[in-house]
Amino acid sequence: MARPRLPSLNARIRLKRTPLDLTGKQHQAAPSRSERVEVPDEPVPSAVEVGPPEILRVPVLADGADPGKIAPSPLAIRDRLLVDRRLVADHAPERLFAYDVTLATMKHLRGVACPGDRIVFRRGGRAAPDRVCAVRTPEGIVLARVLFKGRSLLLLPGEGERDFESVEVDGLKALPGVIAGTHVLLIRR
């Protein structure tokens, strides 16, 4: 028994009904080449005015360098990262800073980031196990996912690591002094 022959692709496209718009009405079919289309003389104003994107220059700090409470030391800045404003939401540009992920900083980031990636942070923010934080330790800034437990801030291990590190915190109110920033953008290389 032979299968019934299907119409050609062009025939199926012509027969296909036009999709519904958001109001439930069918779109009007596109005019054929022989029909004349009236074009208005004045452009129709857009509901959203799109201007040129705002580019931010985010300081990239040296490994372990503290971003400071207000601004990083000029000696700690290794580079400037150009970031489209839309990628960092509505965070104030002066509150942003970044670090390069290096082999030395991978202990707590394995499985989250790779060497060569750049992580943009904002000063402050809420610490959570799913966010990378810049943590102040006696050795300098350490990049890690963290968990606040009692009077300790646990630096969670990366994939394949087993050891937790902890930083003593006097209480929940002292946490902003220990966490220099929380990540807002991870740029993969």
N, C-alpha and C. Protein backbone atom coordinates (compact mmCIF):
# COMPACT_ATOMS: atom_id res chain seq x y z
N MET A 1 0.84 -1.16 0.00
CA MET A 1 0.00 0.00 0.00
C MET A 1 0.89 1.24 0.00
N ALA A 2 0.70 2.11 -0.93
CA ALA A 2 1.53 3.31 -1.09
C ALA A 2 1.06 4.41 -0.14
N ARG A 3 2.07 5.16 0.36
CA ARG A 3 1.75 6.30 1.24
C ARG A 3 1.23 7.44 0.40
N PRO A 4 0.28 8.21 0.95
CA PRO A 4 -0.21 9.36 0.18
C PRO A 4 0.90 10.40 0.04
N ARG A 5 0.98 11.01 -1.10
CA ARG A 5 2.02 12.00 -1.40
C ARG A 5 1.63 13.33 -0.74
N LEU A 6 2.60 13.92 -0.02
CA LEU A 6 2.39 15.20 0.64
C LEU A 6 2.63 16.34 -0.35
N PRO A 7 1.94 17.46 -0.17
CA PRO A 7 2.19 18.60 -1.06
C PRO A 7 3.61 19.13 -0.82
N SER A 8 4.14 19.88 -1.76
CA SER A 8 5.49 20.42 -1.64
C SER A 8 5.56 21.40 -0.48
N LEU A 9 6.78 21.68 -0.07
CA LEU A 9 6.99 22.60 1.04
C LEU A 9 6.38 23.97 0.74
N ASN A 10 6.59 24.48 -0.46
CA ASN A 10 6.02 25.78 -0.84
C ASN A 10 4.50 25.77 -0.74
N ALA A 11 3.89 24.70 -1.17
CA ALA A 11 2.43 24.62 -1.12
C ALA A 11 1.96 24.59 0.32
N ARG A 12 2.67 23.87 1.19
CA ARG A 12 2.28 23.82 2.60
C ARG A 12 2.44 25.18 3.27
N ILE A 13 3.48 25.91 2.90
CA ILE A 13 3.69 27.24 3.50
C ILE A 13 2.58 28.18 3.08
N ARG A 14 2.18 28.13 1.81
CA ARG A 14 1.11 29.01 1.34
C ARG A 14 -0.22 28.68 2.01
N LEU A 15 -0.44 27.41 2.30
CA LEU A 15 -1.71 27.00 2.91
C LEU A 15 -1.74 27.27 4.42
N LYS A 16 -0.57 27.39 5.00
CA LYS A 16 -0.49 27.55 6.46
C LYS A 16 -1.19 28.85 6.88
N ARG A 17 -1.96 28.77 7.94
CA ARG A 17 -2.65 29.96 8.44
C ARG A 17 -1.66 30.88 9.12
N THR A 18 -1.96 32.13 9.12
CA THR A 18 -1.09 33.10 9.77
C THR A 18 -1.24 32.97 11.28
N PRO A 19 -0.17 33.20 12.07
CA PRO A 19 -0.25 33.05 13.52
C PRO A 19 -1.09 34.15 14.15
N LEU A 20 -1.53 33.90 15.38
CA LEU A 20 -2.30 34.87 16.14
C LEU A 20 -1.35 35.83 16.83
N ASP A 21 -1.77 37.10 16.96
CA ASP A 21 -0.96 38.03 17.73
C ASP A 21 -1.41 37.97 19.19
N LEU A 22 -0.89 38.85 20.02
CA LEU A 22 -1.18 38.80 21.45
C LEU A 22 -2.65 39.07 21.78
N THR A 23 -3.36 39.73 20.90
CA THR A 23 -4.77 40.03 21.17
C THR A 23 -5.68 38.91 20.71
N GLY A 24 -5.14 37.89 20.03
CA GLY A 24 -5.95 36.78 19.56
C GLY A 24 -6.43 36.96 18.14
N LYS A 25 -6.11 38.09 17.50
CA LYS A 25 -6.51 38.33 16.11
C LYS A 25 -5.44 37.78 15.19
N GLN A 26 -5.85 37.41 13.99
CA GLN A 26 -4.87 36.93 13.03
C GLN A 26 -4.15 38.11 12.40
N HIS A 27 -2.84 37.88 12.16
CA HIS A 27 -2.05 38.91 11.46
C HIS A 27 -2.54 39.01 10.03
N GLN A 28 -2.38 40.18 9.46
CA GLN A 28 -2.71 40.33 8.06
C GLN A 28 -1.60 39.69 7.25
N ALA A 29 -1.96 39.08 6.15
CA ALA A 29 -0.97 38.45 5.29
C ALA A 29 -0.09 39.53 4.69
N ALA A 30 1.15 39.19 4.44
CA ALA A 30 2.08 40.14 3.84
C ALA A 30 1.63 40.43 2.42
N PRO A 31 1.78 41.68 1.96
CA PRO A 31 1.34 42.01 0.61
C PRO A 31 2.20 41.30 -0.43
N SER A 32 1.58 40.94 -1.53
CA SER A 32 2.35 40.30 -2.60
C SER A 32 3.17 41.37 -3.29
N ARG A 33 4.06 40.94 -4.15
CA ARG A 33 4.96 41.88 -4.83
C ARG A 33 4.20 42.82 -5.75
N SER A 34 3.07 42.36 -6.26
CA SER A 34 2.32 43.19 -7.21
C SER A 34 1.49 44.27 -6.52
N GLU A 35 1.21 44.10 -5.21
CA GLU A 35 0.41 45.10 -4.49
C GLU A 35 1.30 46.28 -4.10
N ARG A 36 0.69 47.45 -4.04
CA ARG A 36 1.41 48.66 -3.66
C ARG A 36 1.21 48.90 -2.16
N VAL A 37 2.27 49.24 -1.46
CA VAL A 37 2.22 49.46 -0.02
C VAL A 37 2.41 50.94 0.25
N GLU A 38 1.51 51.52 1.06
CA GLU A 38 1.62 52.92 1.44
C GLU A 38 2.57 53.05 2.63
N VAL A 39 3.58 53.90 2.50
CA VAL A 39 4.53 54.13 3.58
C VAL A 39 4.27 55.53 4.11
N PRO A 40 4.09 55.69 5.44
CA PRO A 40 3.84 57.02 5.98
C PRO A 40 5.06 57.92 5.80
N ASP A 41 4.80 59.23 5.66
CA ASP A 41 5.89 60.18 5.46
C ASP A 41 6.72 60.38 6.73
N GLU A 42 6.08 60.36 7.89
CA GLU A 42 6.78 60.58 9.14
C GLU A 42 7.01 59.24 9.83
N PRO A 43 8.16 59.07 10.48
CA PRO A 43 8.40 57.82 11.19
C PRO A 43 7.47 57.71 12.40
N VAL A 44 7.07 56.49 12.69
CA VAL A 44 6.20 56.23 13.83
C VAL A 44 7.06 56.28 15.09
N PRO A 45 6.68 57.07 16.10
CA PRO A 45 7.50 57.15 17.31
C PRO A 45 7.51 55.82 18.04
N SER A 46 8.68 55.46 18.52
CA SER A 46 8.85 54.21 19.25
C SER A 46 8.46 54.42 20.71
N ALA A 47 7.93 53.38 21.31
CA ALA A 47 7.57 53.46 22.73
C ALA A 47 8.82 53.50 23.59
N VAL A 48 9.90 52.85 23.13
CA VAL A 48 11.16 52.81 23.87
C VAL A 48 12.21 53.50 23.02
N GLU A 49 12.79 54.54 23.55
CA GLU A 49 13.86 55.22 22.85
C GLU A 49 15.16 54.50 23.14
N VAL A 50 15.83 54.03 22.12
CA VAL A 50 17.08 53.29 22.28
C VAL A 50 18.22 54.21 21.91
N GLY A 51 19.09 54.46 22.85
CA GLY A 51 20.25 55.30 22.61
C GLY A 51 21.50 54.44 22.55
N PRO A 52 22.63 55.07 22.40
CA PRO A 52 23.87 54.30 22.37
C PRO A 52 24.11 53.67 23.75
N PRO A 53 24.66 52.46 23.79
CA PRO A 53 24.88 51.82 25.08
C PRO A 53 25.93 52.57 25.90
N GLU A 54 25.72 52.62 27.20
CA GLU A 54 26.67 53.26 28.09
C GLU A 54 27.75 52.24 28.44
N ILE A 55 28.99 52.60 28.26
CA ILE A 55 30.11 51.71 28.54
C ILE A 55 30.76 52.14 29.85
N LEU A 56 30.94 51.18 30.75
CA LEU A 56 31.57 51.45 32.03
C LEU A 56 33.01 50.94 32.02
N ARG A 57 33.88 51.63 32.71
CA ARG A 57 35.27 51.20 32.87
C ARG A 57 35.42 50.69 34.30
N VAL A 58 35.45 49.37 34.43
CA VAL A 58 35.51 48.73 35.75
C VAL A 58 36.97 48.40 36.06
N PRO A 59 37.49 48.82 37.23
CA PRO A 59 38.88 48.51 37.56
C PRO A 59 39.07 47.02 37.83
N VAL A 60 40.11 46.43 37.23
CA VAL A 60 40.48 45.04 37.48
C VAL A 60 41.65 45.09 38.45
N LEU A 61 41.46 44.46 39.61
CA LEU A 61 42.45 44.54 40.68
C LEU A 61 43.43 43.37 40.63
N ALA A 62 44.61 43.57 41.20
CA ALA A 62 45.61 42.52 41.31
C ALA A 62 45.11 41.44 42.27
N ASP A 63 45.61 40.22 42.11
CA ASP A 63 45.20 39.13 42.99
C ASP A 63 45.43 39.50 44.45
N GLY A 64 44.42 39.31 45.27
CA GLY A 64 44.53 39.56 46.70
C GLY A 64 44.41 41.01 47.12
N ALA A 65 44.37 41.93 46.17
CA ALA A 65 44.29 43.36 46.50
C ALA A 65 42.89 43.69 47.02
N ASP A 66 42.84 44.48 48.07
CA ASP A 66 41.56 44.87 48.68
C ASP A 66 40.94 46.01 47.89
N PRO A 67 39.65 45.91 47.53
CA PRO A 67 39.01 47.00 46.79
C PRO A 67 38.73 48.23 47.64
N GLY A 68 38.90 48.13 48.95
CA GLY A 68 38.63 49.26 49.84
C GLY A 68 37.15 49.44 50.07
N LYS A 69 36.83 50.29 51.01
CA LYS A 69 35.42 50.55 51.33
C LYS A 69 34.76 51.44 50.28
N ILE A 70 35.53 52.40 49.73
CA ILE A 70 34.96 53.35 48.78
C ILE A 70 35.59 53.19 47.40
N ALA A 71 36.91 53.13 47.34
CA ALA A 71 37.60 53.00 46.05
C ALA A 71 38.90 52.22 46.26
N PRO A 72 39.34 51.46 45.26
CA PRO A 72 40.59 50.73 45.41
C PRO A 72 41.80 51.66 45.31
N SER A 73 42.89 51.22 45.86
CA SER A 73 44.13 51.97 45.75
C SER A 73 44.55 52.00 44.28
N PRO A 74 45.04 53.14 43.78
CA PRO A 74 45.47 53.18 42.38
C PRO A 74 46.57 52.17 42.06
N LEU A 75 47.36 51.79 43.06
CA LEU A 75 48.43 50.81 42.85
C LEU A 75 47.88 49.40 42.67
N ALA A 76 46.65 49.14 43.15
CA ALA A 76 46.06 47.81 43.05
C ALA A 76 45.39 47.56 41.70
N ILE A 77 45.17 48.62 40.92
CA ILE A 77 44.47 48.47 39.64
C ILE A 77 45.45 48.02 38.56
N ARG A 78 45.17 46.83 37.98
CA ARG A 78 46.02 46.27 36.92
C ARG A 78 45.52 46.62 35.53
N ASP A 79 44.21 46.80 35.40
CA ASP A 79 43.61 46.97 34.08
C ASP A 79 42.23 47.61 34.26
N ARG A 80 41.61 47.97 33.17
CA ARG A 80 40.22 48.45 33.17
C ARG A 80 39.44 47.55 32.23
N LEU A 81 38.29 47.10 32.68
CA LEU A 81 37.41 46.24 31.90
C LEU A 81 36.26 47.08 31.38
N LEU A 82 36.04 47.06 30.06
CA LEU A 82 34.94 47.80 29.47
C LEU A 82 33.70 46.91 29.48
N VAL A 83 32.65 47.38 30.14
CA VAL A 83 31.43 46.60 30.32
C VAL A 83 30.23 47.43 29.90
N ASP A 84 29.36 46.82 29.13
CA ASP A 84 28.10 47.46 28.75
C ASP A 84 27.26 47.62 30.01
N ARG A 85 26.72 48.79 30.21
CA ARG A 85 25.93 49.12 31.41
C ARG A 85 24.79 48.15 31.65
N ARG A 86 24.19 47.65 30.57
CA ARG A 86 23.04 46.75 30.70
C ARG A 86 23.40 45.42 31.36
N LEU A 87 24.68 45.03 31.32
CA LEU A 87 25.10 43.75 31.89
C LEU A 87 25.21 43.78 33.41
N VAL A 88 25.36 44.95 33.97
CA VAL A 88 25.52 45.05 35.42
C VAL A 88 24.30 45.69 36.08
N ALA A 89 23.18 45.64 35.40
CA ALA A 89 21.89 46.13 35.90
C ALA A 89 22.02 47.57 36.37
N ASP A 90 21.47 47.86 37.52
CA ASP A 90 21.46 49.24 37.99
C ASP A 90 22.45 49.48 39.12
N HIS A 91 23.54 48.71 39.16
CA HIS A 91 24.55 48.91 40.19
C HIS A 91 25.36 50.16 39.87
N ALA A 92 25.67 50.93 40.89
CA ALA A 92 26.41 52.18 40.71
C ALA A 92 27.82 51.86 40.19
N PRO A 93 28.28 52.53 39.14
CA PRO A 93 29.58 52.24 38.55
C PRO A 93 30.74 52.37 39.53
N GLU A 94 30.66 53.31 40.46
CA GLU A 94 31.76 53.50 41.41
C GLU A 94 31.83 52.37 42.45
N ARG A 95 30.79 51.54 42.52
CA ARG A 95 30.79 50.42 43.47
C ARG A 95 31.26 49.11 42.84
N LEU A 96 31.63 49.15 41.55
CA LEU A 96 32.04 47.94 40.83
C LEU A 96 33.55 47.79 40.80
N PHE A 97 34.01 46.55 40.86
CA PHE A 97 35.42 46.21 40.69
C PHE A 97 35.48 44.78 40.17
N ALA A 98 36.63 44.37 39.65
CA ALA A 98 36.73 43.04 39.05
C ALA A 98 38.06 42.39 39.41
N TYR A 99 38.10 41.05 39.28
CA TYR A 99 39.32 40.27 39.46
C TYR A 99 39.44 39.29 38.30
N ASP A 100 40.69 39.00 37.92
CA ASP A 100 40.95 37.92 36.99
C ASP A 100 40.98 36.62 37.78
N VAL A 101 40.43 35.57 37.22
CA VAL A 101 40.53 34.25 37.85
C VAL A 101 41.84 33.64 37.37
N THR A 102 42.70 33.29 38.32
CA THR A 102 44.00 32.70 38.01
C THR A 102 44.07 31.31 38.64
N LEU A 103 45.12 30.57 38.32
CA LEU A 103 45.30 29.25 38.92
C LEU A 103 45.39 29.35 40.44
N ALA A 104 46.01 30.42 40.94
CA ALA A 104 46.15 30.60 42.39
C ALA A 104 44.80 30.84 43.08
N THR A 105 43.84 31.40 42.37
CA THR A 105 42.53 31.70 42.98
C THR A 105 41.49 30.60 42.74
N MET A 106 41.91 29.48 42.15
CA MET A 106 40.96 28.44 41.76
C MET A 106 40.52 27.52 42.90
N LYS A 107 41.15 27.56 44.04
CA LYS A 107 40.84 26.61 45.11
C LYS A 107 39.35 26.56 45.44
N HIS A 108 38.71 27.70 45.51
CA HIS A 108 37.30 27.75 45.89
C HIS A 108 36.38 27.97 44.67
N LEU A 109 36.97 28.13 43.49
CA LEU A 109 36.16 28.45 42.31
C LEU A 109 36.05 27.32 41.30
N ARG A 110 36.76 26.22 41.54
CA ARG A 110 36.74 25.10 40.59
C ARG A 110 35.30 24.64 40.37
N GLY A 111 34.88 24.56 39.13
CA GLY A 111 33.51 24.19 38.80
C GLY A 111 32.60 25.40 38.63
N VAL A 112 33.07 26.57 39.05
CA VAL A 112 32.28 27.81 38.91
C VAL A 112 32.90 28.70 37.85
N ALA A 113 34.22 28.83 37.88
CA ALA A 113 34.94 29.68 36.94
C ALA A 113 36.23 28.98 36.54
N CYS A 114 36.86 29.47 35.49
CA CYS A 114 38.10 28.90 34.97
C CYS A 114 39.17 29.99 34.90
N PRO A 115 40.45 29.59 34.91
CA PRO A 115 41.50 30.60 34.75
C PRO A 115 41.30 31.38 33.45
N GLY A 116 41.47 32.68 33.53
CA GLY A 116 41.26 33.56 32.38
C GLY A 116 39.91 34.26 32.43
N ASP A 117 38.96 33.72 33.21
CA ASP A 117 37.66 34.38 33.35
C ASP A 117 37.85 35.66 34.18
N ARG A 118 36.91 36.56 34.05
CA ARG A 118 36.90 37.76 34.89
C ARG A 118 35.57 37.82 35.61
N ILE A 119 35.62 38.17 36.89
CA ILE A 119 34.42 38.28 37.70
C ILE A 119 34.28 39.73 38.14
N VAL A 120 33.12 40.31 37.86
CA VAL A 120 32.82 41.68 38.27
C VAL A 120 32.02 41.61 39.56
N PHE A 121 32.45 42.37 40.55
CA PHE A 121 31.80 42.41 41.86
C PHE A 121 31.23 43.79 42.12
N ARG A 122 30.33 43.85 43.08
CA ARG A 122 29.87 45.14 43.59
C ARG A 122 30.15 45.16 45.08
N ARG A 123 30.45 46.31 45.60
CA ARG A 123 30.70 46.41 47.04
C ARG A 123 29.41 46.10 47.78
N GLY A 124 29.52 45.31 48.82
CA GLY A 124 28.35 44.92 49.60
C GLY A 124 27.59 43.80 48.92
N GLY A 125 26.32 43.74 49.18
CA GLY A 125 25.49 42.67 48.60
C GLY A 125 25.25 41.56 49.60
N ARG A 126 24.34 40.70 49.27
CA ARG A 126 23.97 39.60 50.16
C ARG A 126 24.80 38.37 49.83
N ALA A 127 25.44 37.81 50.84
CA ALA A 127 26.23 36.60 50.66
C ALA A 127 25.30 35.39 50.61
N ALA A 128 25.54 34.51 49.66
CA ALA A 128 24.74 33.30 49.50
C ALA A 128 25.63 32.22 48.90
N PRO A 129 25.32 30.95 49.15
CA PRO A 129 26.17 29.86 48.62
C PRO A 129 26.24 29.81 47.09
N ASP A 130 25.30 30.43 46.41
CA ASP A 130 25.32 30.40 44.94
C ASP A 130 26.02 31.62 44.34
N ARG A 131 26.55 32.51 45.17
CA ARG A 131 27.25 33.71 44.70
C ARG A 131 28.72 33.65 45.06
N VAL A 132 29.55 34.10 44.15
CA VAL A 132 30.97 34.23 44.45
C VAL A 132 31.16 35.55 45.19
N CYS A 133 31.91 35.50 46.27
CA CYS A 133 32.17 36.70 47.07
C CYS A 133 33.67 36.97 47.12
N ALA A 134 34.02 38.22 47.27
CA ALA A 134 35.40 38.62 47.54
C ALA A 134 35.48 38.78 49.05
N VAL A 135 36.23 37.87 49.70
CA VAL A 135 36.27 37.80 51.17
C VAL A 135 37.61 38.30 51.68
N ARG A 136 37.57 39.17 52.69
CA ARG A 136 38.80 39.67 53.32
C ARG A 136 39.29 38.62 54.31
N THR A 137 40.52 38.16 54.11
CA THR A 137 41.16 37.20 55.01
C THR A 137 42.51 37.79 55.42
N PRO A 138 43.19 37.19 56.40
CA PRO A 138 44.52 37.69 56.77
C PRO A 138 45.52 37.62 55.60
N GLU A 139 45.30 36.71 54.65
CA GLU A 139 46.20 36.58 53.49
C GLU A 139 45.84 37.55 52.37
N GLY A 140 44.75 38.25 52.48
CA GLY A 140 44.28 39.16 51.44
C GLY A 140 42.89 38.74 50.97
N ILE A 141 42.48 39.22 49.83
CA ILE A 141 41.16 38.90 49.29
C ILE A 141 41.18 37.50 48.69
N VAL A 142 40.17 36.70 49.06
CA VAL A 142 39.99 35.36 48.51
C VAL A 142 38.63 35.33 47.82
N LEU A 143 38.59 34.78 46.61
CA LEU A 143 37.34 34.64 45.88
C LEU A 143 36.75 33.27 46.17
N ALA A 144 35.52 33.24 46.69
CA ALA A 144 34.91 31.97 47.06
C ALA A 144 33.40 32.11 47.20
N ARG A 145 32.72 30.98 47.11
CA ARG A 145 31.32 30.93 47.50
C ARG A 145 31.33 30.77 49.02
N VAL A 146 30.38 31.37 49.71
CA VAL A 146 30.45 31.39 51.17
C VAL A 146 29.12 30.96 51.80
N LEU A 147 29.23 30.58 53.07
CA LEU A 147 28.06 30.22 53.87
C LEU A 147 28.31 30.74 55.28
N PHE A 148 27.38 31.53 55.79
CA PHE A 148 27.50 32.06 57.15
C PHE A 148 26.92 31.05 58.11
N LYS A 149 27.74 30.60 59.07
CA LYS A 149 27.32 29.57 60.02
C LYS A 149 27.78 29.98 61.41
N GLY A 150 26.83 30.35 62.26
CA GLY A 150 27.17 30.77 63.63
C GLY A 150 27.99 32.04 63.62
N ARG A 151 29.24 31.93 64.07
CA ARG A 151 30.14 33.08 64.09
C ARG A 151 31.27 32.91 63.07
N SER A 152 31.05 32.04 62.09
CA SER A 152 32.07 31.79 61.07
C SER A 152 31.50 31.97 59.68
N LEU A 153 32.36 32.43 58.82
CA LEU A 153 32.03 32.50 57.41
C LEU A 153 32.80 31.37 56.74
N LEU A 154 32.08 30.37 56.25
CA LEU A 154 32.73 29.22 55.63
C LEU A 154 32.99 29.52 54.16
N LEU A 155 34.24 29.29 53.73
CA LEU A 155 34.60 29.42 52.33
C LEU A 155 34.42 28.03 51.72
N LEU A 156 33.40 27.88 50.88
CA LEU A 156 33.05 26.58 50.34
C LEU A 156 34.11 26.10 49.35
N PRO A 157 34.42 24.80 49.37
CA PRO A 157 35.43 24.28 48.45
C PRO A 157 34.90 24.19 47.02
N GLY A 158 35.81 24.26 46.07
CA GLY A 158 35.44 24.07 44.67
C GLY A 158 35.30 22.59 44.37
N GLU A 159 34.91 22.26 43.14
CA GLU A 159 34.76 20.86 42.73
C GLU A 159 36.06 20.11 42.94
N GLY A 160 35.99 18.93 43.54
CA GLY A 160 37.17 18.11 43.75
C GLY A 160 37.94 18.46 45.01
N GLU A 161 37.65 19.57 45.63
CA GLU A 161 38.31 19.97 46.89
C GLU A 161 37.48 19.44 48.05
N ARG A 162 38.13 19.20 49.19
CA ARG A 162 37.41 18.68 50.35
C ARG A 162 37.45 19.60 51.56
N ASP A 163 38.40 20.48 51.60
CA ASP A 163 38.60 21.27 52.80
C ASP A 163 37.86 22.60 52.74
N PHE A 164 37.15 22.89 53.83
CA PHE A 164 36.53 24.20 54.03
C PHE A 164 37.56 25.09 54.70
N GLU A 165 37.49 26.36 54.43
CA GLU A 165 38.23 27.33 55.22
C GLU A 165 37.20 28.18 55.91
N SER A 166 37.57 28.77 57.02
CA SER A 166 36.62 29.63 57.72
C SER A 166 37.28 30.93 58.14
N VAL A 167 36.46 31.95 58.22
CA VAL A 167 36.89 33.27 58.68
C VAL A 167 35.98 33.62 59.85
N GLU A 168 36.58 33.94 60.99
CA GLU A 168 35.80 34.29 62.16
C GLU A 168 35.15 35.66 61.97
N VAL A 169 33.87 35.73 62.32
CA VAL A 169 33.09 36.97 62.20
C VAL A 169 32.45 37.23 63.55
N ASP A 170 32.50 38.47 64.03
CA ASP A 170 31.94 38.81 65.33
C ASP A 170 30.43 38.69 65.38
N GLY A 171 29.80 38.68 64.26
CA GLY A 171 28.34 38.58 64.21
C GLY A 171 27.86 38.98 62.83
N LEU A 172 26.57 38.91 62.67
CA LEU A 172 25.97 39.24 61.37
C LEU A 172 26.23 40.69 60.98
N LYS A 173 26.31 41.59 61.97
CA LYS A 173 26.54 43.00 61.66
C LYS A 173 27.97 43.26 61.19
N ALA A 174 28.92 42.37 61.54
CA ALA A 174 30.31 42.53 61.11
C ALA A 174 30.57 41.92 59.74
N LEU A 175 29.58 41.22 59.19
CA LEU A 175 29.74 40.55 57.90
C LEU A 175 30.11 41.50 56.75
N PRO A 176 29.51 42.70 56.65
CA PRO A 176 29.91 43.60 55.55
C PRO A 176 31.38 44.02 55.59
N GLY A 177 32.01 43.99 56.75
CA GLY A 177 33.43 44.31 56.84
C GLY A 177 34.31 43.17 56.35
N VAL A 178 33.78 41.95 56.36
CA VAL A 178 34.54 40.78 55.92
C VAL A 178 34.32 40.51 54.43
N ILE A 179 33.11 40.72 53.96
CA ILE A 179 32.81 40.50 52.54
C ILE A 179 33.01 41.82 51.80
N ALA A 180 34.03 41.85 50.95
CA ALA A 180 34.34 43.07 50.21
C ALA A 180 33.36 43.29 49.08
N GLY A 181 32.80 42.21 48.52
CA GLY A 181 31.85 42.36 47.43
C GLY A 181 31.24 41.03 47.01
N THR A 182 30.14 41.13 46.29
CA THR A 182 29.47 39.93 45.75
C THR A 182 29.41 40.07 44.23
N HIS A 183 29.47 38.94 43.55
CA HIS A 183 29.58 39.00 42.08
C HIS A 183 28.27 39.39 41.43
N VAL A 184 28.41 40.15 40.34
CA VAL A 184 27.25 40.54 39.53
C VAL A 184 27.39 40.06 38.09
N LEU A 185 28.62 39.71 37.69
CA LEU A 185 28.84 39.30 36.30
C LEU A 185 30.08 38.42 36.23
N LEU A 186 29.95 37.31 35.51
CA LEU A 186 31.08 36.41 35.24
C LEU A 186 31.30 36.42 33.74
N ILE A 187 32.51 36.79 33.33
CA ILE A 187 32.85 36.85 31.91
C ILE A 187 33.79 35.71 31.61
N ARG A 188 33.35 34.78 30.77
CA ARG A 188 34.16 33.62 30.40
C ARG A 188 35.09 33.98 29.25
N ARG A 189 36.26 33.38 29.27
CA ARG A 189 37.21 33.60 28.17
C ARG A 189 37.34 32.36 27.35
